[in-house]
Amino acid sequence: MNLHDLEAFVAVVETGSIVGASGRLNLTQPGVSRRIQNLEEALGTPLLDRLSKPLKPSGAGRDAYEHARRVLRSLEDLKSGLAPDGEITGEFRLGILPYLSDAALAVPLDRLRKEFPRLTLRITSGWSPRLLEQVARSELDAAALCLPDGDRPPEELVGDDLGEQTVLLIAAPGLEVPKPASLADLSAFPWVLNENGCGFRRFIRHSFEAARLPFQVGVEALSADLRMSLVARGHGIGIVTPAALTGSPWRDAIEILDTDFRPQVRAWVFHRPPAGRLQRPISLFSEALFTSLHGAGPFLKA
């Protein structure tokens, strides 16, 4: 067993293919396959489910992947710690929730690139449950996501609490939503929302279920611009952040609903302990994202 075999195995798991791993490592496909075979022979067990597409680790392979990531990270920590200038190198695998706008992420990502120019950022987009799983399995180094207010963060992860995130309820004037609108009034209309996995959608659904009111999703779409255009054309009630509404070309075609119902979630940045060489990049990203979302204010660690 050697480090090159571990690197090849990790690359195959994370890219889902021999082809992807060969591109990442700048090796031939047979070369990657030989390294995987060497590792399997050394450990005495198959590490990949070769019938799955994309390639996935076997049961033993999932454990091997987590151990391999820890070994490789430890070596990266060692290299960074012994570097003459203390410069942090390697990669930072960061998960991002689609709810977080480009505007909110611009400054945190710019600061990461400025402060750690030799750190390669690998950004993945996904919903909160999936991102939490990936952080817990060491497939991601950290993830910025949202949880319904009151949900308990995973105990095995370290979380930076970025505070409550609220949204505005919007609709086209032609939809004729009552003013003011109660929760019962809102339940009579379809909704234009993100896909399942969105914390706000989960909060809204639970609120209607708790009140024993119907909840109908008329349109499910990932694109924020598409959702805004659908709301503007009268396809249902939508949600939007104040910042996104200000910059939207549809802002004059919709109205903010007058209602006491305020969907809200808490934003977090999670990582597994110990963060090692990535402690500074994670802290910098968390603090910069907090500032982007709220401006200056208290920053909490849980």
Protein backbone atom coordinates (compact mmCIF):
# COMPACT_ATOMS: atom_id res chain seq x y z
CA MET A 1 0.00 0.00 0.00
CA ASN A 2 1.27 3.49 -0.83
CA LEU A 3 0.00 7.06 -0.98
CA HIS A 4 -0.38 7.02 -4.76
CA ASP A 5 -2.80 4.09 -4.45
CA LEU A 6 -4.79 5.97 -1.81
CA GLU A 7 -4.91 9.11 -3.99
CA ALA A 8 -6.18 7.10 -6.94
CA PHE A 9 -8.89 5.41 -4.87
CA VAL A 10 -10.08 8.73 -3.40
CA ALA A 11 -10.16 10.28 -6.87
CA VAL A 12 -12.27 7.43 -8.26
CA VAL A 13 -14.77 7.67 -5.39
CA GLU A 14 -15.09 11.44 -5.69
CA THR A 15 -15.33 11.59 -9.49
CA GLY A 16 -17.37 8.40 -9.84
CA SER A 17 -15.26 6.97 -12.64
CA ILE A 18 -11.83 5.80 -13.73
CA VAL A 19 -11.96 8.39 -16.52
CA GLY A 20 -12.61 11.24 -14.08
CA ALA A 21 -9.86 10.08 -11.75
CA SER A 22 -7.35 9.78 -14.58
CA GLY A 23 -8.12 13.37 -15.60
CA ARG A 24 -7.73 14.66 -12.08
CA LEU A 25 -4.46 12.81 -11.45
CA ASN A 26 -3.07 13.21 -14.98
CA LEU A 27 -2.67 9.43 -15.29
CA THR A 28 -3.75 6.91 -17.89
CA GLN A 29 -6.91 4.95 -17.15
CA PRO A 30 -4.96 1.66 -16.91
CA GLY A 31 -2.60 3.36 -14.47
CA VAL A 32 -5.52 4.36 -12.21
CA SER A 33 -6.99 0.85 -12.44
CA ARG A 34 -3.65 -0.72 -11.44
CA ARG A 35 -3.43 1.51 -8.37
CA ILE A 36 -6.95 0.54 -7.29
CA GLN A 37 -6.12 -3.13 -7.76
CA ASN A 38 -2.91 -2.71 -5.74
CA LEU A 39 -4.87 -1.17 -2.87
CA GLU A 40 -7.54 -3.89 -2.98
CA GLU A 41 -4.86 -6.57 -2.90
CA ALA A 42 -3.11 -4.90 0.02
CA LEU A 43 -6.37 -4.66 2.00
CA GLY A 44 -7.68 -8.02 0.89
CA THR A 45 -11.16 -6.84 -0.11
CA PRO A 46 -12.97 -5.22 -3.08
CA LEU A 47 -13.32 -1.47 -2.57
CA LEU A 48 -15.55 -0.58 -5.54
CA ASP A 49 -18.94 -1.75 -6.74
CA ARG A 50 -17.95 -2.15 -10.38
CA LEU A 51 -21.53 -2.81 -11.53
CA SER A 52 -22.73 0.64 -10.46
CA LYS A 53 -22.64 3.69 -12.71
CA PRO A 54 -21.20 6.00 -11.57
CA LEU A 55 -18.71 3.86 -9.69
CA LYS A 56 -19.47 3.69 -5.98
CA PRO A 57 -17.47 2.32 -3.06
CA SER A 58 -18.43 -1.02 -1.58
CA GLY A 59 -19.26 -1.27 2.13
CA ALA A 60 -15.59 -1.77 2.93
CA GLY A 61 -14.73 0.90 0.37
CA ARG A 62 -16.74 3.54 2.23
CA ASP A 63 -14.70 2.92 5.37
CA ALA A 64 -11.49 2.85 3.36
CA TYR A 65 -12.40 6.13 1.68
CA GLU A 66 -12.89 7.91 5.01
CA HIS A 67 -9.60 6.60 6.37
CA ALA A 68 -7.81 7.50 3.13
CA ARG A 69 -9.14 11.06 3.22
CA ARG A 70 -7.89 11.43 6.80
CA VAL A 71 -4.44 10.13 5.87
CA LEU A 72 -4.16 12.45 2.87
CA ARG A 73 -5.45 15.42 4.86
CA SER A 74 -2.93 14.72 7.63
CA LEU A 75 -0.13 14.82 5.06
CA GLU A 76 -1.46 18.09 3.64
CA ASP A 77 -1.58 19.49 7.19
CA LEU A 78 2.02 18.39 7.71
CA LYS A 79 3.20 20.01 4.47
CA SER A 80 1.40 23.26 5.28
CA GLY A 81 2.75 23.31 8.83
CA LEU A 82 6.33 22.84 7.67
CA ALA A 83 6.17 25.25 4.73
CA PRO A 84 8.66 28.12 5.25
CA ASP A 85 5.99 30.76 4.73
CA GLY A 86 3.19 28.78 6.41
CA GLU A 87 1.12 29.06 3.24
CA ILE A 88 -1.88 26.73 3.10
CA THR A 89 -1.99 24.52 0.02
CA GLY A 90 -4.03 21.57 -1.23
CA GLU A 91 -7.78 21.68 -1.81
CA PHE A 92 -10.82 22.95 0.07
CA ARG A 93 -14.00 21.04 -0.78
CA LEU A 94 -16.88 23.38 0.01
CA GLY A 95 -20.59 22.59 -0.23
CA ILE A 96 -23.01 25.44 -0.95
CA LEU A 97 -26.80 25.54 -0.60
CA PRO A 98 -28.54 26.85 -3.76
CA TYR A 99 -30.49 29.32 -1.59
CA LEU A 100 -27.30 31.32 -1.00
CA SER A 101 -27.18 33.95 -3.71
CA ASP A 102 -24.20 34.80 -5.88
CA ALA A 103 -24.16 38.23 -4.24
CA ALA A 104 -23.88 36.70 -0.74
CA LEU A 105 -21.08 34.37 -1.82
CA ALA A 106 -19.03 36.82 -3.86
CA VAL A 107 -17.13 38.46 -0.98
CA PRO A 108 -16.46 35.25 1.02
CA LEU A 109 -15.09 33.45 -2.05
CA ASP A 110 -13.05 36.48 -3.11
CA ARG A 111 -11.50 36.66 0.35
CA LEU A 112 -10.64 32.97 0.32
CA ARG A 113 -8.85 33.32 -3.01
CA LYS A 114 -7.02 36.44 -1.84
CA GLU A 115 -5.91 35.08 1.55
CA PHE A 116 -5.12 31.54 0.37
CA PRO A 117 -4.09 31.79 -3.30
CA ARG A 118 -2.51 28.30 -3.36
CA LEU A 119 -5.61 26.63 -1.92
CA THR A 120 -7.74 25.04 -4.64
CA LEU A 121 -11.48 25.55 -4.09
CA ARG A 122 -13.79 22.74 -5.19
CA ILE A 123 -17.36 23.98 -4.82
CA THR A 124 -20.36 21.63 -4.82
CA SER A 125 -24.00 22.72 -4.79
CA GLY A 126 -26.65 20.67 -3.01
CA TRP A 127 -29.49 20.62 -0.49
CA SER A 128 -28.88 20.66 3.24
CA PRO A 129 -29.53 16.96 4.07
CA ARG A 130 -27.17 15.79 1.34
CA LEU A 131 -24.49 18.34 2.26
CA LEU A 132 -24.60 17.27 5.91
CA GLU A 133 -24.13 13.64 4.88
CA GLN A 134 -21.17 14.57 2.68
CA VAL A 135 -19.48 16.52 5.49
CA ALA A 136 -20.11 13.67 7.97
CA ARG A 137 -18.52 11.19 5.53
CA SER A 138 -15.56 13.53 4.85
CA GLU A 139 -16.60 13.91 1.22
CA LEU A 140 -16.72 17.67 1.86
CA ASP A 141 -14.45 19.70 4.14
CA ALA A 142 -17.22 22.18 5.02
CA ALA A 143 -20.70 23.16 3.89
CA ALA A 144 -22.79 26.34 4.07
CA LEU A 145 -26.44 25.39 4.46
CA CYS A 146 -29.74 26.19 6.16
CA LEU A 147 -31.80 24.25 8.71
CA PRO A 148 -35.34 24.99 9.91
CA ASP A 149 -35.12 27.09 13.07
CA GLY A 150 -35.17 24.75 16.06
CA ASP A 151 -33.56 21.78 14.29
CA ARG A 152 -30.66 20.37 16.31
CA PRO A 153 -27.32 20.47 14.48
CA PRO A 154 -25.50 17.12 14.20
CA GLU A 155 -23.49 16.55 17.39
CA GLU A 156 -20.51 15.06 15.56
CA LEU A 157 -20.01 18.24 13.50
CA VAL A 158 -18.75 21.70 14.44
CA GLY A 159 -21.18 24.43 13.39
CA ASP A 160 -20.76 28.17 12.93
CA ASP A 161 -24.20 29.74 13.48
CA LEU A 162 -24.78 32.47 10.88
CA GLY A 163 -28.15 33.47 12.34
CA GLU A 164 -31.74 33.53 11.17
CA GLN A 165 -32.55 33.94 7.50
CA THR A 166 -35.97 35.31 6.61
CA VAL A 167 -37.73 35.65 3.27
CA LEU A 168 -40.57 37.69 1.84
CA LEU A 169 -43.76 36.09 0.52
CA ILE A 170 -44.60 37.38 -2.94
CA ALA A 171 -47.34 36.96 -5.54
CA ALA A 172 -48.65 38.61 -8.68
CA PRO A 173 -51.35 41.23 -7.95
CA GLY A 174 -53.70 39.32 -10.24
CA LEU A 175 -53.61 36.31 -7.92
CA GLU A 176 -55.76 38.36 -5.50
CA VAL A 177 -54.30 37.10 -2.25
CA PRO A 178 -56.26 38.63 0.68
CA LYS A 179 -54.75 41.62 2.51
CA PRO A 180 -53.81 40.83 5.20
CA ALA A 181 -53.50 37.10 4.55
CA SER A 182 -53.79 34.48 7.28
CA LEU A 183 -52.19 31.05 7.06
CA ALA A 184 -55.62 29.69 6.09
CA ASP A 185 -55.83 32.27 3.28
CA LEU A 186 -52.39 31.27 1.99
CA SER A 187 -53.32 27.59 1.99
CA ALA A 188 -55.87 28.24 -0.77
CA PHE A 189 -53.15 29.07 -3.31
CA PRO A 190 -50.46 26.98 -5.03
CA TRP A 191 -46.81 27.68 -4.29
CA VAL A 192 -43.80 28.13 -6.55
CA LEU A 193 -40.85 26.70 -4.61
CA ASN A 194 -37.46 25.07 -4.68
CA GLU A 195 -37.04 21.32 -4.93
CA ASN A 196 -37.42 19.04 -1.91
CA GLY A 197 -34.48 19.57 0.42
CA CYS A 198 -34.93 23.33 0.68
CA GLY A 199 -35.16 24.35 4.35
CA PHE A 200 -37.73 27.06 3.64
CA ARG A 201 -39.99 24.63 1.78
CA ARG A 202 -39.75 22.20 4.70
CA PHE A 203 -40.61 24.98 7.18
CA ILE A 204 -43.64 26.07 5.12
CA ARG A 205 -44.93 22.51 4.69
CA HIS A 206 -44.58 21.74 8.41
CA SER A 207 -46.39 24.99 9.29
CA PHE A 208 -49.39 24.05 7.16
CA GLU A 209 -49.39 20.47 8.40
CA ALA A 210 -49.29 21.63 12.03
CA ALA A 211 -52.33 23.83 11.36
CA ARG A 212 -54.06 20.95 9.49
CA LEU A 213 -54.26 23.04 6.34
CA PRO A 214 -53.68 21.89 2.74
CA PHE A 215 -50.36 22.70 1.11
CA GLN A 216 -49.99 22.54 -2.66
CA VAL A 217 -46.82 23.02 -4.68
CA GLY A 218 -47.88 24.24 -8.11
CA VAL A 219 -44.41 24.50 -9.62
CA GLU A 220 -41.09 23.11 -8.39
CA ALA A 221 -38.00 24.70 -9.95
CA LEU A 222 -34.35 25.11 -8.95
CA SER A 223 -33.67 28.37 -10.80
CA ALA A 224 -34.47 31.45 -8.70
CA ASP A 225 -34.98 33.59 -11.82
CA LEU A 226 -37.43 31.06 -13.24
CA ARG A 227 -39.38 30.93 -9.98
CA MET A 228 -39.63 34.72 -9.89
CA SER A 229 -40.91 34.84 -13.47
CA LEU A 230 -43.51 32.14 -12.71
CA VAL A 231 -44.72 34.05 -9.65
CA ALA A 232 -44.92 37.25 -11.69
CA ARG A 233 -47.09 35.44 -14.24
CA GLY A 234 -49.54 34.36 -11.55
CA HIS A 235 -48.62 30.69 -11.11
CA GLY A 236 -48.55 30.84 -7.31
CA ILE A 237 -47.07 32.29 -4.14
CA GLY A 238 -43.28 32.43 -3.95
CA ILE A 239 -40.54 33.32 -1.51
CA VAL A 240 -37.57 35.61 -2.07
CA THR A 241 -34.83 37.23 -0.04
CA PRO A 242 -34.95 41.03 0.21
CA ALA A 243 -31.61 41.30 -1.60
CA ALA A 244 -32.74 39.05 -4.46
CA LEU A 245 -35.99 41.02 -4.83
CA THR A 246 -34.13 44.33 -5.05
CA GLY A 247 -31.99 43.07 -7.93
CA SER A 248 -34.74 41.17 -9.77
CA PRO A 249 -36.09 42.35 -13.15
CA TRP A 250 -39.49 41.04 -11.97
CA ARG A 251 -39.71 43.23 -8.86
CA ASP A 252 -42.28 45.60 -10.41
CA ALA A 253 -44.51 42.71 -11.51
CA ILE A 254 -45.06 41.22 -8.06
CA GLU A 255 -46.17 42.43 -4.64
CA ILE A 256 -45.01 41.59 -1.13
CA LEU A 257 -47.82 39.88 0.74
CA ASP A 258 -49.21 41.38 3.92
CA THR A 259 -49.08 38.44 6.35
CA ASP A 260 -47.83 37.53 9.79
CA PHE A 261 -46.51 34.21 8.45
CA ARG A 262 -42.73 34.57 8.22
CA PRO A 263 -40.82 31.47 7.02
CA GLN A 264 -37.33 31.45 8.49
CA VAL A 265 -34.38 29.13 8.83
CA ARG A 266 -30.91 29.37 10.37
CA ALA A 267 -27.81 29.48 8.22
CA TRP A 268 -24.79 27.41 9.27
CA VAL A 269 -21.32 26.44 8.17
CA PHE A 270 -20.52 22.88 9.30
CA HIS A 271 -17.26 20.92 9.29
CA ARG A 272 -15.86 17.81 10.94
CA PRO A 273 -13.37 18.20 13.77
CA PRO A 274 -10.50 18.64 13.70
CA ALA A 275 -10.30 21.07 10.80
CA GLY A 276 -6.50 20.89 10.68
CA ARG A 277 -4.89 23.14 8.11
CA LEU A 278 -8.35 24.25 6.91
CA GLN A 279 -9.31 25.87 10.23
CA ARG A 280 -8.29 29.34 9.05
CA PRO A 281 -9.98 29.10 5.62
CA ILE A 282 -13.20 27.75 7.18
CA SER A 283 -13.26 30.50 9.83
CA LEU A 284 -12.56 33.21 7.27
CA PHE A 285 -15.32 31.91 4.97
CA SER A 286 -17.84 31.68 7.84
CA GLU A 287 -17.16 35.18 9.11
CA ALA A 288 -17.22 36.71 5.61
CA LEU A 289 -20.48 34.92 4.77
CA PHE A 290 -22.03 36.10 8.05
CA THR A 291 -21.09 39.67 7.17
CA SER A 292 -22.56 39.29 3.67
CA LEU A 293 -25.83 37.97 5.07
CA HIS A 294 -26.21 40.37 8.00
CA GLY A 295 -23.60 43.09 7.94
CA ALA A 296 -21.55 43.68 11.10
CA GLY A 297 -22.83 41.89 14.20
CA PRO A 298 -22.23 39.02 16.61
CA PHE A 299 -20.88 35.80 15.15
CA LEU A 300 -21.69 32.60 17.05
CA LYS A 301 -19.97 29.23 17.15
CA ALA A 302 -21.88 26.15 18.33
